[in-house]
Amino acid sequence: MSDIKRIHPSTRMSRVVAYNGMVFIGGQTAADRTEDAAGQTRQVLAKIDGFLADAGIDKTRLLTAQIWLKDIEADFASMNAVWDAWVAPDCAPTRATVEAKLAQSDLLVEISVTAAAL
């Protein structure tokens, strides 16, 4: 059986969990919540890049992504513009994007991804 590797754990959650050839990155949000949806998306994707690196992989290993938007009608296009520029060519994961009430009112975007380990 594979060992479970927890990266950046806290009492409540681990930011990254690697197990059985899979890397799970929990929902990430922006630190600077004064930015619009595009700016928050850039921040979140930069955090994801860092966590993927901490797990020894990069975004070419993405399998799936879940994206939650505070206002899908207002922010879908701007989030997608940032996403499309970020995703590795020919490596787009499966993806679901939904509108949701996020944990704090100034959060506009939250993203969680799963990737294949090396």
PDB file of N, CA and C in Angstrom:
ATOM      1  N   MET A   1       0.838  -1.183   0.000  1.00  0.00           N
ATOM      2  CA  MET A   1       0.000   0.000   0.000  1.00  0.00           C
ATOM      3  C   MET A   1       0.880   1.243   0.000  1.00  0.00           C
ATOM      4  N   SER A   2       0.474   2.254  -0.745  1.00  0.00           N
ATOM      5  CA  SER A   2       1.220   3.511  -0.813  1.00  0.00           C
ATOM      6  C   SER A   2       1.015   4.321   0.453  1.00  0.00           C
ATOM      7  N   ASP A   3       2.056   5.032   0.831  1.00  0.00           N
ATOM      8  CA  ASP A   3       1.939   5.945   1.958  1.00  0.00           C
ATOM      9  C   ASP A   3       1.225   7.209   1.515  1.00  0.00           C
ATOM     10  N   ILE A   4       0.513   7.802   2.429  1.00  0.00           N
ATOM     11  CA  ILE A   4      -0.130   9.090   2.181  1.00  0.00           C
ATOM     12  C   ILE A   4       0.866  10.182   2.552  1.00  0.00           C
ATOM     13  N   LYS A   5       1.102  11.107   1.630  1.00  0.00           N
ATOM     14  CA  LYS A   5       2.021  12.229   1.881  1.00  0.00           C
ATOM     15  C   LYS A   5       1.185  13.505   1.964  1.00  0.00           C
ATOM     16  N   ARG A   6       1.265  14.168   3.096  1.00  0.00           N
ATOM     17  CA  ARG A   6       0.536  15.423   3.304  1.00  0.00           C
ATOM     18  C   ARG A   6       1.531  16.580   3.226  1.00  0.00           C
ATOM     19  N   ILE A   7       1.234  17.534   2.338  1.00  0.00           N
ATOM     20  CA  ILE A   7       2.121  18.674   2.117  1.00  0.00           C
ATOM     21  C   ILE A   7       1.403  19.926   2.614  1.00  0.00           C
ATOM     22  N   HIS A   8       2.076  20.701   3.449  1.00  0.00           N
ATOM     23  CA  HIS A   8       1.499  21.902   4.064  1.00  0.00           C
ATOM     24  C   HIS A   8       0.238  21.556   4.871  1.00  0.00           C
ATOM     25  N   PRO A   9       0.364  20.616   5.814  1.00  0.00           N
ATOM     26  CA  PRO A   9      -0.809  20.268   6.627  1.00  0.00           C
ATOM     27  C   PRO A   9      -1.053  21.275   7.749  1.00  0.00           C
ATOM     28  N   SER A  10      -2.290  21.356   8.167  1.00  0.00           N
ATOM     29  CA  SER A  10      -2.664  22.114   9.356  1.00  0.00           C
ATOM     30  C   SER A  10      -3.669  21.256  10.128  1.00  0.00           C
ATOM     31  N   THR A  11      -4.179  21.770  11.200  1.00  0.00           N
ATOM     32  CA  THR A  11      -5.171  21.029  11.977  1.00  0.00           C
ATOM     33  C   THR A  11      -6.426  20.770  11.164  1.00  0.00           C
ATOM     34  N   ARG A  12      -6.840  21.743  10.375  1.00  0.00           N
ATOM     35  CA  ARG A  12      -8.096  21.656   9.629  1.00  0.00           C
ATOM     36  C   ARG A  12      -7.971  20.897   8.317  1.00  0.00           C
ATOM     37  N   MET A  13      -6.849  21.114   7.594  1.00  0.00           N
ATOM     38  CA  MET A  13      -6.715  20.500   6.271  1.00  0.00           C
ATOM     39  C   MET A  13      -5.265  20.522   5.819  1.00  0.00           C
ATOM     40  N   SER A  14      -4.980  19.712   4.822  1.00  0.00           N
ATOM     41  CA  SER A  14      -3.689  19.770   4.129  1.00  0.00           C
ATOM     42  C   SER A  14      -3.923  20.490   2.814  1.00  0.00           C
ATOM     43  N   ARG A  15      -2.982  21.312   2.404  1.00  0.00           N
ATOM     44  CA  ARG A  15      -3.111  22.000   1.115  1.00  0.00           C
ATOM     45  C   ARG A  15      -2.991  21.002  -0.037  1.00  0.00           C
ATOM     46  N   VAL A  16      -2.111  20.004   0.159  1.00  0.00           N
ATOM     47  CA  VAL A  16      -1.847  19.010  -0.878  1.00  0.00           C
ATOM     48  C   VAL A  16      -1.766  17.637  -0.211  1.00  0.00           C
ATOM     49  N   VAL A  17      -2.377  16.646  -0.861  1.00  0.00           N
ATOM     50  CA  VAL A  17      -2.242  15.263  -0.416  1.00  0.00           C
ATOM     51  C   VAL A  17      -1.864  14.429  -1.633  1.00  0.00           C
ATOM     52  N   ALA A  18      -0.796  13.643  -1.484  1.00  0.00           N
ATOM     53  CA  ALA A  18      -0.370  12.738  -2.552  1.00  0.00           C
ATOM     54  C   ALA A  18      -0.585  11.310  -2.069  1.00  0.00           C
ATOM     55  N   TYR A  19      -1.200  10.505  -2.940  1.00  0.00           N
ATOM     56  CA  TYR A  19      -1.471   9.114  -2.589  1.00  0.00           C
ATOM     57  C   TYR A  19      -1.679   8.286  -3.849  1.00  0.00           C
ATOM     58  N   ASN A  20      -1.038   7.142  -3.901  1.00  0.00           N
ATOM     59  CA  ASN A  20      -1.295   6.159  -4.944  1.00  0.00           C
ATOM     60  C   ASN A  20      -1.197   6.748  -6.354  1.00  0.00           C
ATOM     61  N   GLY A  21      -0.162   7.570  -6.571  1.00  0.00           N
ATOM     62  CA  GLY A  21       0.049   8.145  -7.892  1.00  0.00           C
ATOM     63  C   GLY A  21      -0.809   9.355  -8.218  1.00  0.00           C
ATOM     64  N   MET A  22      -1.511   9.874  -7.234  1.00  0.00           N
ATOM     65  CA  MET A  22      -2.389  11.027  -7.442  1.00  0.00           C
ATOM     66  C   MET A  22      -1.982  12.161  -6.500  1.00  0.00           C
ATOM     67  N   VAL A  23      -2.177  13.386  -6.968  1.00  0.00           N
ATOM     68  CA  VAL A  23      -1.918  14.576  -6.164  1.00  0.00           C
ATOM     69  C   VAL A  23      -3.208  15.390  -6.128  1.00  0.00           C
ATOM     70  N   PHE A  24      -3.704  15.634  -4.924  1.00  0.00           N
ATOM     71  CA  PHE A  24      -4.947  16.375  -4.719  1.00  0.00           C
ATOM     72  C   PHE A  24      -4.621  17.720  -4.085  1.00  0.00           C
ATOM     73  N   ILE A  25      -5.021  18.799  -4.739  1.00  0.00           N
ATOM     74  CA  ILE A  25      -4.818  20.142  -4.197  1.00  0.00           C
ATOM     75  C   ILE A  25      -6.184  20.697  -3.843  1.00  0.00           C
ATOM     76  N   GLY A  26      -6.361  20.992  -2.559  1.00  0.00           N
ATOM     77  CA  GLY A  26      -7.636  21.499  -2.074  1.00  0.00           C
ATOM     78  C   GLY A  26      -7.961  22.863  -2.643  1.00  0.00           C
ATOM     79  N   GLY A  27      -9.186  23.302  -2.436  1.00  0.00           N
ATOM     80  CA  GLY A  27      -9.648  24.579  -2.962  1.00  0.00           C
ATOM     81  C   GLY A  27      -8.754  25.737  -2.552  1.00  0.00           C
ATOM     82  N   GLN A  28      -8.320  26.501  -3.549  1.00  0.00           N
ATOM     83  CA  GLN A  28      -7.421  27.632  -3.322  1.00  0.00           C
ATOM     84  C   GLN A  28      -8.140  28.932  -3.655  1.00  0.00           C
ATOM     85  N   THR A  29      -7.865  29.945  -2.847  1.00  0.00           N
ATOM     86  CA  THR A  29      -8.460  31.265  -3.050  1.00  0.00           C
ATOM     87  C   THR A  29      -7.358  32.323  -3.064  1.00  0.00           C
ATOM     88  N   ALA A  30      -7.712  33.509  -3.480  1.00  0.00           N
ATOM     89  CA  ALA A  30      -6.761  34.612  -3.585  1.00  0.00           C
ATOM     90  C   ALA A  30      -6.466  35.216  -2.217  1.00  0.00           C
ATOM     91  N   ALA A  31      -5.233  35.669  -2.049  1.00  0.00           N
ATOM     92  CA  ALA A  31      -4.854  36.380  -0.830  1.00  0.00           C
ATOM     93  C   ALA A  31      -5.310  37.836  -0.904  1.00  0.00           C
ATOM     94  N   ASP A  32      -5.150  38.460  -2.075  1.00  0.00           N
ATOM     95  CA  ASP A  32      -5.559  39.852  -2.275  1.00  0.00           C
ATOM     96  C   ASP A  32      -6.955  39.843  -2.887  1.00  0.00           C
ATOM     97  N   ARG A  33      -7.922  40.023  -2.047  1.00  0.00           N
ATOM     98  CA  ARG A  33      -9.317  39.921  -2.485  1.00  0.00           C
ATOM     99  C   ARG A  33      -9.881  41.239  -2.985  1.00  0.00           C
ATOM    100  N   THR A  34      -9.018  42.240  -3.116  1.00  0.00           N
ATOM    101  CA  THR A  34      -9.469  43.498  -3.702  1.00  0.00           C
ATOM    102  C   THR A  34      -9.455  43.416  -5.225  1.00  0.00           C
ATOM    103  N   GLU A  35      -8.806  42.407  -5.764  1.00  0.00           N
ATOM    104  CA  GLU A  35      -8.723  42.255  -7.215  1.00  0.00           C
ATOM    105  C   GLU A  35     -10.021  41.686  -7.787  1.00  0.00           C
ATOM    106  N   ASP A  36     -10.218  41.918  -9.095  1.00  0.00           N
ATOM    107  CA  ASP A  36     -11.383  41.372  -9.782  1.00  0.00           C
ATOM    108  C   ASP A  36     -11.194  39.872  -9.999  1.00  0.00           C
ATOM    109  N   ALA A  37     -12.145  39.228 -10.676  1.00  0.00           N
ATOM    110  CA  ALA A  37     -12.097  37.783 -10.872  1.00  0.00           C
ATOM    111  C   ALA A  37     -10.854  37.355 -11.642  1.00  0.00           C
ATOM    112  N   ALA A  38     -10.440  38.119 -12.639  1.00  0.00           N
ATOM    113  CA  ALA A  38      -9.233  37.778 -13.390  1.00  0.00           C
ATOM    114  C   ALA A  38      -8.009  37.830 -12.482  1.00  0.00           C
ATOM    115  N   GLY A  39      -7.900  38.875 -11.694  1.00  0.00           N
ATOM    116  CA  GLY A  39      -6.769  38.999 -10.776  1.00  0.00           C
ATOM    117  C   GLY A  39      -6.757  37.906  -9.726  1.00  0.00           C
ATOM    118  N   GLN A  40      -7.929  37.595  -9.174  1.00  0.00           N
ATOM    119  CA  GLN A  40      -8.002  36.517  -8.187  1.00  0.00           C
ATOM    120  C   GLN A  40      -7.664  35.173  -8.838  1.00  0.00           C
ATOM    121  N   THR A  41      -8.105  34.964 -10.074  1.00  0.00           N
ATOM    122  CA  THR A  41      -7.783  33.716 -10.772  1.00  0.00           C
ATOM    123  C   THR A  41      -6.286  33.586 -10.966  1.00  0.00           C
ATOM    124  N   ARG A  42      -5.611  34.664 -11.356  1.00  0.00           N
ATOM    125  CA  ARG A  42      -4.155  34.639 -11.522  1.00  0.00           C
ATOM    126  C   ARG A  42      -3.461  34.236 -10.217  1.00  0.00           C
ATOM    127  N   GLN A  43      -3.918  34.820  -9.123  1.00  0.00           N
ATOM    128  CA  GLN A  43      -3.337  34.498  -7.819  1.00  0.00           C
ATOM    129  C   GLN A  43      -3.528  33.024  -7.477  1.00  0.00           C
ATOM    130  N   VAL A  44      -4.731  32.527  -7.689  1.00  0.00           N
ATOM    131  CA  VAL A  44      -5.037  31.134  -7.366  1.00  0.00           C
ATOM    132  C   VAL A  44      -4.191  30.189  -8.216  1.00  0.00           C
ATOM    133  N   LEU A  45      -4.086  30.463  -9.502  1.00  0.00           N
ATOM    134  CA  LEU A  45      -3.312  29.591 -10.375  1.00  0.00           C
ATOM    135  C   LEU A  45      -1.830  29.621 -10.025  1.00  0.00           C
ATOM    136  N   ALA A  46      -1.323  30.766  -9.574  1.00  0.00           N
ATOM    137  CA  ALA A  46       0.066  30.841  -9.117  1.00  0.00           C
ATOM    138  C   ALA A  46       0.258  29.975  -7.869  1.00  0.00           C
ATOM    139  N   LYS A  47      -0.712  29.988  -6.963  1.00  0.00           N
ATOM    140  CA  LYS A  47      -0.635  29.127  -5.784  1.00  0.00           C
ATOM    141  C   LYS A  47      -0.642  27.658  -6.203  1.00  0.00           C
ATOM    142  N   ILE A  48      -1.495  27.317  -7.141  1.00  0.00           N
ATOM    143  CA  ILE A  48      -1.565  25.931  -7.620  1.00  0.00           C
ATOM    144  C   ILE A  48      -0.245  25.525  -8.251  1.00  0.00           C
ATOM    145  N   ASP A  49       0.354  26.410  -9.056  1.00  0.00           N
ATOM    146  CA  ASP A  49       1.675  26.117  -9.624  1.00  0.00           C
ATOM    147  C   ASP A  49       2.681  25.792  -8.521  1.00  0.00           C
ATOM    148  N   GLY A  50       2.670  26.576  -7.462  1.00  0.00           N
ATOM    149  CA  GLY A  50       3.590  26.349  -6.347  1.00  0.00           C
ATOM    150  C   GLY A  50       3.339  25.024  -5.645  1.00  0.00           C
ATOM    151  N   PHE A  51       2.085  24.691  -5.423  1.00  0.00           N
ATOM    152  CA  PHE A  51       1.765  23.425  -4.758  1.00  0.00           C
ATOM    153  C   PHE A  51       2.086  22.229  -5.647  1.00  0.00           C
ATOM    154  N   LEU A  52       1.877  22.368  -6.951  1.00  0.00           N
ATOM    155  CA  LEU A  52       2.276  21.298  -7.866  1.00  0.00           C
ATOM    156  C   LEU A  52       3.791  21.091  -7.797  1.00  0.00           C
ATOM    157  N   ALA A  53       4.535  22.189  -7.775  1.00  0.00           N
ATOM    158  CA  ALA A  53       6.000  22.098  -7.666  1.00  0.00           C
ATOM    159  C   ALA A  53       6.400  21.429  -6.348  1.00  0.00           C
ATOM    160  N   ASP A  54       5.702  21.772  -5.260  1.00  0.00           N
ATOM    161  CA  ASP A  54       5.989  21.147  -3.966  1.00  0.00           C
ATOM    162  C   ASP A  54       5.780  19.631  -4.027  1.00  0.00           C
ATOM    163  N   ALA A  55       4.868  19.193  -4.887  1.00  0.00           N
ATOM    164  CA  ALA A  55       4.595  17.764  -5.059  1.00  0.00           C
ATOM    165  C   ALA A  55       5.509  17.136  -6.119  1.00  0.00           C
ATOM    166  N   GLY A  56       6.383  17.954  -6.721  1.00  0.00           N
ATOM    167  CA  GLY A  56       7.340  17.449  -7.692  1.00  0.00           C
ATOM    168  C   GLY A  56       6.802  17.305  -9.108  1.00  0.00           C
ATOM    169  N   ILE A  57       5.726  18.016  -9.419  1.00  0.00           N
ATOM    170  CA  ILE A  57       5.122  17.950 -10.755  1.00  0.00           C
ATOM    171  C   ILE A  57       4.760  19.351 -11.231  1.00  0.00           C
ATOM    172  N   ASP A  58       4.148  19.443 -12.401  1.00  0.00           N
ATOM    173  CA  ASP A  58       3.678  20.730 -12.907  1.00  0.00           C
ATOM    174  C   ASP A  58       2.297  20.560 -13.542  1.00  0.00           C
ATOM    175  N   LYS A  59       1.799  21.639 -14.114  1.00  0.00           N
ATOM    176  CA  LYS A  59       0.420  21.638 -14.622  1.00  0.00           C
ATOM    177  C   LYS A  59       0.199  20.731 -15.828  1.00  0.00           C
ATOM    178  N   THR A  60       1.261  20.208 -16.425  1.00  0.00           N
ATOM    179  CA  THR A  60       1.079  19.240 -17.514  1.00  0.00           C
ATOM    180  C   THR A  60       0.533  17.918 -16.993  1.00  0.00           C
ATOM    181  N   ARG A  61       0.542  17.732 -15.689  1.00  0.00           N
ATOM    182  CA  ARG A  61       0.057  16.492 -15.063  1.00  0.00           C
ATOM    183  C   ARG A  61      -1.381  16.598 -14.574  1.00  0.00           C
ATOM    184  N   LEU A  62      -2.042  17.738 -14.801  1.00  0.00           N
ATOM    185  CA  LEU A  62      -3.417  17.920 -14.327  1.00  0.00           C
ATOM    186  C   LEU A  62      -4.367  16.922 -14.961  1.00  0.00           C
ATOM    187  N   LEU A  63      -5.268  16.397 -14.143  1.00  0.00           N
ATOM    188  CA  LEU A  63      -6.298  15.481 -14.610  1.00  0.00           C
ATOM    189  C   LEU A  63      -7.675  16.126 -14.607  1.00  0.00           C
ATOM    190  N   THR A  64      -7.977  16.845 -13.533  1.00  0.00           N
ATOM    191  CA  THR A  64      -9.293  17.455 -13.409  1.00  0.00           C
ATOM    192  C   THR A  64      -9.210  18.720 -12.559  1.00  0.00           C
ATOM    193  N   ALA A  65     -10.160  19.614 -12.770  1.00  0.00           N
ATOM    194  CA  ALA A  65     -10.239  20.859 -12.001  1.00  0.00           C
ATOM    195  C   ALA A  65     -11.698  21.151 -11.669  1.00  0.00           C
ATOM    196  N   GLN A  66     -11.911  21.696 -10.508  1.00  0.00           N
ATOM    197  CA  GLN A  66     -13.225  22.191 -10.105  1.00  0.00           C
ATOM    198  C   GLN A  66     -13.062  23.674  -9.811  1.00  0.00           C
ATOM    199  N   ILE A  67     -13.933  24.471 -10.408  1.00  0.00           N
ATOM    200  CA  ILE A  67     -13.865  25.920 -10.244  1.00  0.00           C
ATOM    201  C   ILE A  67     -15.209  26.411  -9.734  1.00  0.00           C
ATOM    202  N   TRP A  68     -15.150  27.202  -8.675  1.00  0.00           N
ATOM    203  CA  TRP A  68     -16.342  27.822  -8.121  1.00  0.00           C
ATOM    204  C   TRP A  68     -16.222  29.326  -8.310  1.00  0.00           C
ATOM    205  N   LEU A  69     -17.250  29.939  -8.862  1.00  0.00           N
ATOM    206  CA  LEU A  69     -17.295  31.387  -9.063  1.00  0.00           C
ATOM    207  C   LEU A  69     -18.435  31.974  -8.247  1.00  0.00           C
ATOM    208  N   LYS A  70     -18.190  33.121  -7.647  1.00  0.00           N
ATOM    209  CA  LYS A  70     -19.237  33.800  -6.891  1.00  0.00           C
ATOM    210  C   LYS A  70     -20.373  34.224  -7.820  1.00  0.00           C
ATOM    211  N   ASP A  71     -20.018  34.741  -9.008  1.00  0.00           N
ATOM    212  CA  ASP A  71     -21.010  35.210  -9.983  1.00  0.00           C
ATOM    213  C   ASP A  71     -20.602  34.711 -11.360  1.00  0.00           C
ATOM    214  N   ILE A  72     -21.124  33.575 -11.758  1.00  0.00           N
ATOM    215  CA  ILE A  72     -20.694  32.945 -13.009  1.00  0.00           C
ATOM    216  C   ILE A  72     -21.037  33.808 -14.218  1.00  0.00           C
ATOM    217  N   GLU A  73     -22.139  34.503 -14.171  1.00  0.00           N
ATOM    218  CA  GLU A  73     -22.543  35.343 -15.301  1.00  0.00           C
ATOM    219  C   GLU A  73     -21.570  36.505 -15.495  1.00  0.00           C
ATOM    220  N   ALA A  74     -21.159  37.113 -14.393  1.00  0.00           N
ATOM    221  CA  ALA A  74     -20.270  38.278 -14.478  1.00  0.00           C
ATOM    222  C   ALA A  74     -18.813  37.899 -14.703  1.00  0.00           C
ATOM    223  N   ASP A  75     -18.374  36.739 -14.186  1.00  0.00           N
ATOM    224  CA  ASP A  75     -16.943  36.458 -14.121  1.00  0.00           C
ATOM    225  C   ASP A  75     -16.458  35.279 -14.952  1.00  0.00           C
ATOM    226  N   PHE A  76     -17.343  34.539 -15.593  1.00  0.00           N
ATOM    227  CA  PHE A  76     -16.946  33.356 -16.349  1.00  0.00           C
ATOM    228  C   PHE A  76     -15.953  33.688 -17.458  1.00  0.00           C
ATOM    229  N   ALA A  77     -16.229  34.703 -18.244  1.00  0.00           N
ATOM    230  CA  ALA A  77     -15.358  35.054 -19.373  1.00  0.00           C
ATOM    231  C   ALA A  77     -13.979  35.515 -18.902  1.00  0.00           C
ATOM    232  N   SER A  78     -13.917  36.365 -17.889  1.00  0.00           N
ATOM    233  CA  SER A  78     -12.611  36.857 -17.436  1.00  0.00           C
ATOM    234  C   SER A  78     -11.803  35.756 -16.759  1.00  0.00           C
ATOM    235  N   MET A  79     -12.465  34.887 -16.000  1.00  0.00           N
ATOM    236  CA  MET A  79     -11.755  33.748 -15.407  1.00  0.00           C
ATOM    237  C   MET A  79     -11.225  32.846 -16.511  1.00  0.00           C
ATOM    238  N   ASN A  80     -12.054  32.567 -17.532  1.00  0.00           N
ATOM    239  CA  ASN A  80     -11.637  31.694 -18.630  1.00  0.00           C
ATOM    240  C   ASN A  80     -10.457  32.275 -19.403  1.00  0.00           C
ATOM    241  N   ALA A  81     -10.406  33.571 -19.573  1.00  0.00           N
ATOM    242  CA  ALA A  81      -9.282  34.192 -20.285  1.00  0.00           C
ATOM    243  C   ALA A  81      -7.966  33.917 -19.553  1.00  0.00           C
ATOM    244  N   VAL A  82      -7.986  34.035 -18.242  1.00  0.00           N
ATOM    245  CA  VAL A  82      -6.790  33.754 -17.446  1.00  0.00           C
ATOM    246  C   VAL A  82      -6.488  32.255 -17.465  1.00  0.00           C
ATOM    247  N   TRP A  83      -7.505  31.439 -17.278  1.00  0.00           N
ATOM    248  CA  TRP A  83      -7.339  29.986 -17.302  1.00  0.00           C
ATOM    249  C   TRP A  83      -6.735  29.531 -18.629  1.00  0.00           C
ATOM    250  N   ASP A  84      -7.306  30.003 -19.734  1.00  0.00           N
ATOM    251  CA  ASP A  84      -6.850  29.576 -21.067  1.00  0.00           C
ATOM    252  C   ASP A  84      -5.386  29.946 -21.309  1.00  0.00           C
ATOM    253  N   ALA A  85      -4.955  31.089 -20.793  1.00  0.00           N
ATOM    254  CA  ALA A  85      -3.557  31.501 -20.938  1.00  0.00           C
ATOM    255  C   ALA A  85      -2.634  30.672 -20.049  1.00  0.00           C
ATOM    256  N   TRP A  86      -3.158  30.132 -18.959  1.00  0.00           N
ATOM    257  CA  TRP A  86      -2.361  29.388 -17.979  1.00  0.00           C
ATOM    258  C   TRP A  86      -2.223  27.908 -18.310  1.00  0.00           C
ATOM    259  N   VAL A  87      -3.300  27.286 -18.743  1.00  0.00           N
ATOM    260  CA  VAL A  87      -3.277  25.834 -18.938  1.00  0.00           C
ATOM    261  C   VAL A  87      -2.219  25.458 -19.983  1.00  0.00           C
ATOM    262  N   ALA A  88      -1.502  24.368 -19.721  1.00  0.00           N
ATOM    263  CA  ALA A  88      -0.436  23.936 -20.629  1.00  0.00           C
ATOM    264  C   ALA A  88      -1.033  23.456 -21.952  1.00  0.00           C
ATOM    265  N   PRO A  89      -0.401  23.817 -23.074  1.00  0.00           N
ATOM    266  CA  PRO A  89      -0.905  23.382 -24.388  1.00  0.00           C
ATOM    267  C   PRO A  89      -1.060  21.853 -24.453  1.00  0.00           C
ATOM    268  N   ASP A  90      -2.182  21.430 -24.971  1.00  0.00           N
ATOM    269  CA  ASP A  90      -2.490  20.006 -25.139  1.00  0.00           C
ATOM    270  C   ASP A  90      -2.558  19.240 -23.827  1.00  0.00           C
ATOM    271  N   CYS A  91      -2.718  19.935 -22.716  1.00  0.00           N
ATOM    272  CA  CYS A  91      -2.772  19.279 -21.400  1.00  0.00           C
ATOM    273  C   CYS A  91      -3.975  19.733 -20.579  1.00  0.00           C
ATOM    274  N   ALA A  92      -5.019  20.195 -21.238  1.00  0.00           N
ATOM    275  CA  ALA A  92      -6.192  20.677 -20.505  1.00  0.00           C
ATOM    276  C   ALA A  92      -6.836  19.524 -19.737  1.00  0.00           C
ATOM    277  N   PRO A  93      -7.116  19.735 -18.450  1.00  0.00           N
ATOM    278  CA  PRO A  93      -7.778  18.698 -17.666  1.00  0.00           C
ATOM    279  C   PRO A  93      -9.287  18.714 -17.913  1.00  0.00           C
ATOM    280  N   THR A  94      -9.984  17.697 -17.425  1.00  0.00           N
ATOM    281  CA  THR A  94     -11.434  17.809 -17.371  1.00  0.00           C
ATOM    282  C   THR A  94     -11.732  18.935 -16.388  1.00  0.00           C
ATOM    283  N   ARG A  95     -12.920  19.528 -16.502  1.00  0.00           N
ATOM    284  CA  ARG A  95     -13.187  20.685 -15.654  1.00  0.00           C
ATOM    285  C   ARG A  95     -14.679  20.864 -15.450  1.00  0.00           C
ATOM    286  N   ALA A  96     -15.034  21.279 -14.258  1.00  0.00           N
ATOM    287  CA  ALA A  96     -16.395  21.701 -13.962  1.00  0.00           C
ATOM    288  C   ALA A  96     -16.310  23.098 -13.365  1.00  0.00           C
ATOM    289  N   THR A  97     -17.206  23.977 -13.808  1.00  0.00           N
ATOM    290  CA  THR A  97     -17.254  25.337 -13.283  1.00  0.00           C
ATOM    291  C   THR A  97     -18.687  25.629 -12.883  1.00  0.00           C
ATOM    292  N   VAL A  98     -18.871  26.058 -11.645  1.00  0.00           N
ATOM    293  CA  VAL A  98     -20.210  26.338 -11.136  1.00  0.00           C
ATOM    294  C   VAL A  98     -20.222  27.644 -10.356  1.00  0.00           C
ATOM    295  N   GLU A  99     -21.404  28.172 -10.181  1.00  0.00           N
ATOM    296  CA  GLU A  99     -21.591  29.334  -9.310  1.00  0.00           C
ATOM    297  C   GLU A  99     -21.873  28.818  -7.911  1.00  0.00           C
ATOM    298  N   ALA A 100     -21.248  29.454  -6.921  1.00  0.00           N
ATOM    299  CA  ALA A 100     -21.425  29.013  -5.541  1.00  0.00           C
ATOM    300  C   ALA A 100     -21.263  30.181  -4.577  1.00  0.00           C
ATOM    301  N   LYS A 101     -21.905  30.043  -3.452  1.00  0.00           N
ATOM    302  CA  LYS A 101     -21.689  30.995  -2.373  1.00  0.00           C
ATOM    303  C   LYS A 101     -20.385  30.581  -1.701  1.00  0.00           C
ATOM    304  N   LEU A 102     -19.361  31.410  -1.812  1.00  0.00           N
ATOM    305  CA  LEU A 102     -18.045  31.072  -1.278  1.00  0.00           C
ATOM    306  C   LEU A 102     -17.948  31.456   0.197  1.00  0.00           C
ATOM    307  N   ALA A 103     -16.884  31.022   0.844  1.00  0.00           N
ATOM    308  CA  ALA A 103     -16.757  31.143   2.296  1.00  0.00           C
ATOM    309  C   ALA A 103     -16.765  32.583   2.810  1.00  0.00           C
ATOM    310  N   GLN A 104     -16.268  33.528   2.005  1.00  0.00           N
ATOM    311  CA  GLN A 104     -16.260  34.930   2.411  1.00  0.00           C
ATOM    312  C   GLN A 104     -16.750  35.773   1.244  1.00  0.00           C
ATOM    313  N   SER A 105     -17.417  36.858   1.543  1.00  0.00           N
ATOM    314  CA  SER A 105     -18.105  37.644   0.509  1.00  0.00           C
ATOM    315  C   SER A 105     -17.169  38.278  -0.520  1.00  0.00           C
ATOM    316  N   ASP A 106     -15.894  38.494  -0.171  1.00  0.00           N
ATOM    317  CA  ASP A 106     -14.968  39.109  -1.120  1.00  0.00           C
ATOM    318  C   ASP A 106     -14.214  38.086  -1.973  1.00  0.00           C
ATOM    319  N   LEU A 107     -14.480  36.808  -1.781  1.00  0.00           N
ATOM    320  CA  LEU A 107     -13.906  35.772  -2.640  1.00  0.00           C
ATOM    321  C   LEU A 107     -14.738  35.666  -3.905  1.00  0.00           C
ATOM    322  N   LEU A 108     -14.071  35.695  -5.051  1.00  0.00           N
ATOM    323  CA  LEU A 108     -14.765  35.600  -6.336  1.00  0.00           C
ATOM    324  C   LEU A 108     -14.508  34.269  -7.031  1.00  0.00           C
ATOM    325  N   VAL A 109     -13.383  33.617  -6.689  1.00  0.00           N
ATOM    326  CA  VAL A 109     -12.953  32.395  -7.375  1.00  0.00           C
ATOM    327  C   VAL A 109     -12.330  31.437  -6.363  1.00  0.00           C
ATOM    328  N   GLU A 110     -12.640  30.154  -6.517  1.00  0.00           N
ATOM    329  CA  GLU A 110     -11.950  29.097  -5.778  1.00  0.00           C
ATOM    330  C   GLU A 110     -11.704  27.947  -6.754  1.00  0.00           C
ATOM    331  N   ILE A 111     -10.503  27.387  -6.710  1.00  0.00           N
ATOM    332  CA  ILE A 111     -10.149  26.314  -7.647  1.00  0.00           C
ATOM    333  C   ILE A 111      -9.463  25.177  -6.891  1.00  0.00           C
ATOM    334  N   SER A 112      -9.879  23.952  -7.235  1.00  0.00           N
ATOM    335  CA  SER A 112      -9.260  22.737  -6.719  1.00  0.00           C
ATOM    336  C   SER A 112      -8.859  21.875  -7.899  1.00  0.00           C
ATOM    337  N   VAL A 113      -7.694  21.218  -7.836  1.00  0.00           N
ATOM    338  CA  VAL A 113      -7.245  20.366  -8.937  1.00  0.00           C
ATOM    339  C   VAL A 113      -6.750  19.021  -8.416  1.00  0.00           C
ATOM    340  N   THR A 114      -6.779  18.053  -9.322  1.00  0.00           N
ATOM    341  CA  THR A 114      -6.194  16.742  -9.085  1.00  0.00           C
ATOM    342  C   THR A 114      -5.234  16.470 -10.239  1.00  0.00           C
ATOM    343  N   ALA A 115      -4.075  15.905  -9.906  1.00  0.00           N
ATOM    344  CA  ALA A 115      -3.055  15.644 -10.930  1.00  0.00           C
ATOM    345  C   ALA A 115      -2.473  14.245 -10.723  1.00  0.00           C
ATOM    346  N   ALA A 116      -1.806  13.784 -11.756  1.00  0.00           N
ATOM    347  CA  ALA A 116      -1.089  12.522 -11.698  1.00  0.00           C
ATOM    348  C   ALA A 116       0.331  12.784 -11.228  1.00  0.00           C
ATOM    349  N   ALA A 117       0.778  12.010 -10.250  1.00  0.00           N
ATOM    350  CA  ALA A 117       2.161  12.132  -9.779  1.00  0.00           C
ATOM    351  C   ALA A 117       3.088  11.486 -10.808  1.00  0.00           C
ATOM    352  N   LEU A 118       4.363  11.724 -10.649  1.00  0.00           N
ATOM    353  CA  LEU A 118       5.348  11.090 -11.546  1.00  0.00           C
ATOM    354  C   LEU A 118       5.606   9.668 -11.114  1.00  0.00           C
TER     355      LEU A 118
END
